[in-house]
Each structure stands twice: as C-alpha cells, then as structure tokens.
C-alpha cells in the first residue's frame, strides 16, 4: 500500500484485523460515517502494555525493598528490646 501510494478500503467487523492493517478507521451505520479515528497499531499497544508492566515491576521492587528494610529494622528493634530486658534482669 505504501509502495504504490494507495489506500485500501477494508470492510470488516474484526477489529483485530483493523488494528493490524489500518492507520485510521471510519465506522459506518446505515451508510453514514458515525465515528472516525486513528487505529491503534498492535506494536504501539504492545509497547504501551510493556511500559505499564515495567512501571508496575519498578513499584513492586521498591515496595519489596521498603518491606525488607522495615523487617530488618523490626528485627533490630526486637533484638535491642531483648538485650535491654536481659541487661535489666541481670541488674537485680
């Protein structure tokens, strides 16, 4: 299509085909165009999904690191308290 500088009119109900083949879409009802817009190319959709997955992964990693740090701090506090109780009990 691009090589010969032409257009293709595709009549279909399969939006998957439209997304993979078309740059723009016109939706017709009763012989009239009722909607039009740019088709989302599958690669763009996949890139957007991959970007979202990467951001979610970053958030999960950060949350896990914070949780691990809090766990370490809690263990340190528990050890501190246990040591303090032991010291206090030896003062008697």
N, C-alpha and C. Protein backbone atom coordinates (compact mmCIF):
# COMPACT_ATOMS: atom_id res chain seq x y z
N UNK A 1 0.83 -1.19 0.00
CA UNK A 1 0.00 0.00 0.00
C UNK A 1 0.87 1.25 0.00
N UNK A 2 1.89 1.28 0.86
CA UNK A 2 2.78 2.45 0.90
C UNK A 2 3.65 2.54 -0.34
N UNK A 3 4.06 1.37 -0.87
CA UNK A 3 4.93 1.37 -2.05
C UNK A 3 4.27 1.99 -3.26
N UNK A 4 2.98 1.77 -3.41
CA UNK A 4 2.29 2.30 -4.60
C UNK A 4 1.44 3.53 -4.27
N UNK A 5 1.61 4.06 -3.04
CA UNK A 5 0.92 5.28 -2.62
C UNK A 5 -0.58 5.18 -2.86
N UNK A 6 -1.19 4.18 -2.24
CA UNK A 6 -2.62 3.98 -2.44
C UNK A 6 -3.31 3.75 -1.11
N UNK A 7 -4.60 3.65 -1.16
CA UNK A 7 -5.41 3.37 0.02
C UNK A 7 -6.17 2.08 -0.20
N UNK A 8 -6.59 1.50 0.90
CA UNK A 8 -7.38 0.28 0.84
C UNK A 8 -8.64 0.52 1.66
N UNK A 9 -9.76 0.15 1.11
CA UNK A 9 -10.99 0.18 1.87
C UNK A 9 -11.24 -1.25 2.34
N UNK A 10 -11.32 -1.41 3.64
CA UNK A 10 -11.50 -2.73 4.24
C UNK A 10 -12.83 -2.73 4.96
N UNK A 11 -13.67 -3.67 4.61
CA UNK A 11 -14.97 -3.79 5.26
C UNK A 11 -14.92 -5.03 6.13
N UNK A 12 -15.00 -4.82 7.46
CA UNK A 12 -14.88 -5.94 8.39
C UNK A 12 -15.51 -5.60 9.72
N UNK A 13 -15.81 -6.63 10.48
CA UNK A 13 -16.24 -6.47 11.87
C UNK A 13 -15.13 -6.90 12.82
N UNK A 14 -14.00 -7.35 12.26
CA UNK A 14 -12.88 -7.86 13.05
C UNK A 14 -11.92 -6.72 13.39
N UNK A 15 -12.04 -6.19 14.60
CA UNK A 15 -11.20 -5.06 15.00
C UNK A 15 -9.74 -5.45 15.16
N UNK A 16 -9.45 -6.72 15.36
CA UNK A 16 -8.07 -7.18 15.39
C UNK A 16 -7.39 -6.98 14.05
N UNK A 17 -8.11 -7.30 12.99
CA UNK A 17 -7.59 -7.09 11.63
C UNK A 17 -7.40 -5.59 11.40
N UNK A 18 -8.37 -4.81 11.80
CA UNK A 18 -8.28 -3.35 11.64
C UNK A 18 -7.06 -2.80 12.36
N UNK A 19 -6.85 -3.24 13.60
CA UNK A 19 -5.73 -2.74 14.39
C UNK A 19 -4.39 -3.06 13.76
N UNK A 20 -4.29 -4.22 13.10
CA UNK A 20 -3.02 -4.62 12.49
C UNK A 20 -2.80 -4.07 11.09
N UNK A 21 -3.86 -3.70 10.39
CA UNK A 21 -3.71 -3.29 8.99
C UNK A 21 -3.95 -1.81 8.72
N UNK A 22 -4.70 -1.16 9.57
CA UNK A 22 -5.19 0.18 9.23
C UNK A 22 -4.51 1.29 10.03
N UNK A 23 -4.42 2.45 9.40
CA UNK A 23 -3.93 3.66 10.08
C UNK A 23 -5.08 4.44 10.69
N UNK A 24 -6.20 4.43 9.99
CA UNK A 24 -7.37 5.15 10.50
C UNK A 24 -8.62 4.30 10.28
N UNK A 25 -9.66 4.64 11.04
CA UNK A 25 -10.90 3.86 11.00
C UNK A 25 -12.07 4.81 10.80
N UNK A 26 -13.01 4.39 10.00
CA UNK A 26 -14.30 5.07 9.87
C UNK A 26 -15.36 4.02 10.16
N UNK A 27 -16.22 4.30 11.12
CA UNK A 27 -17.31 3.39 11.45
C UNK A 27 -18.57 3.92 10.78
N UNK A 28 -19.23 3.04 10.03
CA UNK A 28 -20.43 3.45 9.32
C UNK A 28 -21.66 2.75 9.89
N UNK A 29 -22.75 3.48 9.87
CA UNK A 29 -24.04 2.92 10.25
C UNK A 29 -25.08 3.48 9.29
N UNK A 30 -25.84 2.60 8.70
CA UNK A 30 -26.88 2.99 7.75
C UNK A 30 -26.31 3.85 6.63
N UNK A 31 -25.10 3.50 6.18
CA UNK A 31 -24.50 4.19 5.05
C UNK A 31 -23.85 5.52 5.38
N UNK A 32 -23.80 5.90 6.64
CA UNK A 32 -23.20 7.17 7.03
C UNK A 32 -22.06 6.92 8.02
N UNK A 33 -21.02 7.74 7.94
CA UNK A 33 -19.91 7.66 8.90
C UNK A 33 -20.40 8.24 10.22
N UNK A 34 -20.35 7.42 11.26
CA UNK A 34 -20.81 7.86 12.58
C UNK A 34 -19.66 8.05 13.56
N UNK A 35 -18.48 7.50 13.23
CA UNK A 35 -17.31 7.64 14.08
C UNK A 35 -16.08 7.51 13.22
N UNK A 36 -15.02 8.23 13.61
CA UNK A 36 -13.75 8.05 12.91
C UNK A 36 -12.60 8.36 13.86
N UNK A 37 -11.48 7.76 13.57
CA UNK A 37 -10.32 7.98 14.42
C UNK A 37 -9.13 7.19 13.95
N UNK A 38 -8.05 7.32 14.68
CA UNK A 38 -6.79 6.66 14.37
C UNK A 38 -6.83 5.23 14.93
N UNK A 39 -6.37 4.28 14.16
CA UNK A 39 -6.29 2.90 14.63
C UNK A 39 -5.09 2.75 15.54
N UNK A 40 -5.25 1.97 16.59
CA UNK A 40 -4.12 1.68 17.49
C UNK A 40 -3.38 0.50 16.89
N UNK A 41 -2.16 0.74 16.50
CA UNK A 41 -1.35 -0.30 15.89
C UNK A 41 -0.93 -1.29 16.97
N UNK A 42 -0.94 -2.56 16.64
CA UNK A 42 -0.64 -3.61 17.63
C UNK A 42 0.70 -3.37 18.31
N UNK A 43 1.71 -2.92 17.56
CA UNK A 43 3.03 -2.68 18.14
C UNK A 43 2.96 -1.57 19.19
N UNK A 44 2.23 -0.50 18.88
CA UNK A 44 2.08 0.59 19.84
C UNK A 44 1.36 0.10 21.10
N UNK A 45 0.34 -0.72 20.90
CA UNK A 45 -0.41 -1.26 22.03
C UNK A 45 0.50 -2.14 22.89
N UNK A 46 1.30 -2.98 22.22
CA UNK A 46 2.23 -3.85 22.94
C UNK A 46 3.29 -3.04 23.67
N UNK A 47 3.80 -1.98 23.02
CA UNK A 47 4.80 -1.12 23.66
C UNK A 47 4.20 -0.44 24.89
N UNK A 48 2.97 0.04 24.77
CA UNK A 48 2.31 0.69 25.90
C UNK A 48 2.10 -0.31 27.05
N UNK A 49 1.68 -1.52 26.71
CA UNK A 49 1.49 -2.55 27.74
C UNK A 49 2.81 -2.88 28.41
N UNK A 50 3.88 -2.97 27.61
CA UNK A 50 5.21 -3.27 28.17
C UNK A 50 5.67 -2.15 29.10
N UNK A 51 5.40 -0.91 28.72
CA UNK A 51 5.76 0.23 29.57
C UNK A 51 5.04 0.16 30.91
N UNK A 52 3.76 -0.15 30.86
CA UNK A 52 2.97 -0.27 32.09
C UNK A 52 3.53 -1.40 32.96
N UNK A 53 3.83 -2.53 32.34
CA UNK A 53 4.39 -3.67 33.09
C UNK A 53 5.71 -3.29 33.74
N UNK A 54 6.55 -2.54 33.02
CA UNK A 54 7.83 -2.12 33.59
C UNK A 54 7.63 -1.19 34.78
N UNK A 55 6.68 -0.28 34.68
CA UNK A 55 6.41 0.64 35.80
C UNK A 55 5.88 -0.12 37.01
N UNK A 56 4.99 -1.07 36.75
CA UNK A 56 4.45 -1.88 37.85
C UNK A 56 5.57 -2.68 38.50
N UNK A 57 6.46 -3.25 37.68
CA UNK A 57 7.58 -4.02 38.23
C UNK A 57 8.46 -3.13 39.11
N UNK A 58 8.72 -1.89 38.67
CA UNK A 58 9.52 -0.96 39.48
C UNK A 58 8.85 -0.69 40.83
N UNK A 59 7.55 -0.50 40.81
CA UNK A 59 6.80 -0.23 42.04
C UNK A 59 6.88 -1.44 42.97
N UNK A 60 6.74 -2.64 42.41
CA UNK A 60 6.80 -3.86 43.22
C UNK A 60 8.19 -4.00 43.85
N UNK A 61 9.24 -3.73 43.06
CA UNK A 61 10.61 -3.83 43.59
C UNK A 61 10.81 -2.83 44.72
N UNK A 62 10.37 -1.58 44.53
CA UNK A 62 10.53 -0.56 45.57
C UNK A 62 9.75 -0.94 46.83
N UNK A 63 8.53 -1.43 46.65
CA UNK A 63 7.72 -1.83 47.81
C UNK A 63 8.37 -3.00 48.55
N UNK A 64 8.92 -3.94 47.80
CA UNK A 64 9.59 -5.09 48.41
C UNK A 64 10.82 -4.64 49.19
N UNK A 65 11.59 -3.71 48.61
CA UNK A 65 12.78 -3.20 49.31
C UNK A 65 12.39 -2.50 50.61
N UNK A 66 11.33 -1.70 50.56
CA UNK A 66 10.87 -1.00 51.77
C UNK A 66 10.40 -1.99 52.83
N UNK A 67 9.66 -3.00 52.40
CA UNK A 67 9.18 -4.02 53.33
C UNK A 67 10.35 -4.77 53.95
N UNK A 68 11.33 -5.12 53.15
CA UNK A 68 12.51 -5.81 53.66
C UNK A 68 13.24 -4.92 54.68
N UNK A 69 13.39 -3.64 54.36
CA UNK A 69 14.06 -2.72 55.29
C UNK A 69 13.29 -2.63 56.60
N UNK A 70 11.97 -2.54 56.52
CA UNK A 70 11.16 -2.47 57.73
C UNK A 70 11.28 -3.76 58.55
N UNK A 71 11.36 -4.89 57.86
CA UNK A 71 11.52 -6.18 58.55
C UNK A 71 12.86 -6.21 59.28
N UNK A 72 13.91 -5.75 58.61
CA UNK A 72 15.24 -5.71 59.23
C UNK A 72 15.22 -4.78 60.44
N UNK A 73 14.60 -3.61 60.28
CA UNK A 73 14.51 -2.65 61.40
C UNK A 73 13.74 -3.25 62.57
N UNK A 74 12.65 -3.95 62.28
CA UNK A 74 11.85 -4.57 63.34
C UNK A 74 12.66 -5.64 64.07
N UNK A 75 13.42 -6.42 63.31
CA UNK A 75 14.26 -7.45 63.94
C UNK A 75 15.32 -6.78 64.83
N UNK A 76 15.90 -5.68 64.32
CA UNK A 76 16.90 -4.95 65.12
C UNK A 76 16.27 -4.41 66.40
N UNK A 77 15.05 -3.88 66.30
CA UNK A 77 14.35 -3.34 67.48
C UNK A 77 14.04 -4.47 68.46
N UNK A 78 13.60 -5.62 67.93
CA UNK A 78 13.29 -6.76 68.79
C UNK A 78 14.55 -7.22 69.52
N UNK A 79 15.66 -7.28 68.80
CA UNK A 79 16.93 -7.69 69.43
C UNK A 79 17.34 -6.66 70.48
N UNK A 80 17.18 -5.37 70.16
CA UNK A 80 17.52 -4.32 71.12
C UNK A 80 16.69 -4.47 72.39
N UNK A 81 15.39 -4.68 72.22
CA UNK A 81 14.49 -4.84 73.38
C UNK A 81 14.87 -6.08 74.18
N UNK A 82 15.13 -7.19 73.48
CA UNK A 82 15.51 -8.43 74.17
C UNK A 82 16.82 -8.24 74.95
N UNK A 83 17.78 -7.57 74.32
CA UNK A 83 19.05 -7.30 75.01
C UNK A 83 18.84 -6.40 76.23
N UNK A 84 17.98 -5.40 76.07
CA UNK A 84 17.71 -4.48 77.18
C UNK A 84 17.04 -5.23 78.34
N UNK A 85 16.09 -6.11 78.02
CA UNK A 85 15.43 -6.89 79.08
C UNK A 85 16.44 -7.78 79.78
N UNK A 86 17.32 -8.41 79.00
CA UNK A 86 18.36 -9.27 79.60
C UNK A 86 19.25 -8.46 80.52
N UNK A 87 19.66 -7.27 80.08
CA UNK A 87 20.52 -6.41 80.90
C UNK A 87 19.81 -5.99 82.17
N UNK A 88 18.56 -5.61 82.04
CA UNK A 88 17.79 -5.17 83.21
C UNK A 88 17.65 -6.31 84.21
N UNK A 89 17.38 -7.51 83.67
CA UNK A 89 17.20 -8.66 84.58
C UNK A 89 18.50 -9.03 85.30
N UNK A 90 19.64 -8.71 84.73
CA UNK A 90 20.91 -9.02 85.40
C UNK A 90 21.26 -7.98 86.45
N UNK A 91 20.57 -6.85 86.49
CA UNK A 91 20.84 -5.80 87.46
C UNK A 91 20.31 -6.13 88.84
N UNK A 92 19.46 -7.05 88.95
CA UNK A 92 18.83 -7.39 90.24
C UNK A 92 19.79 -7.85 91.25
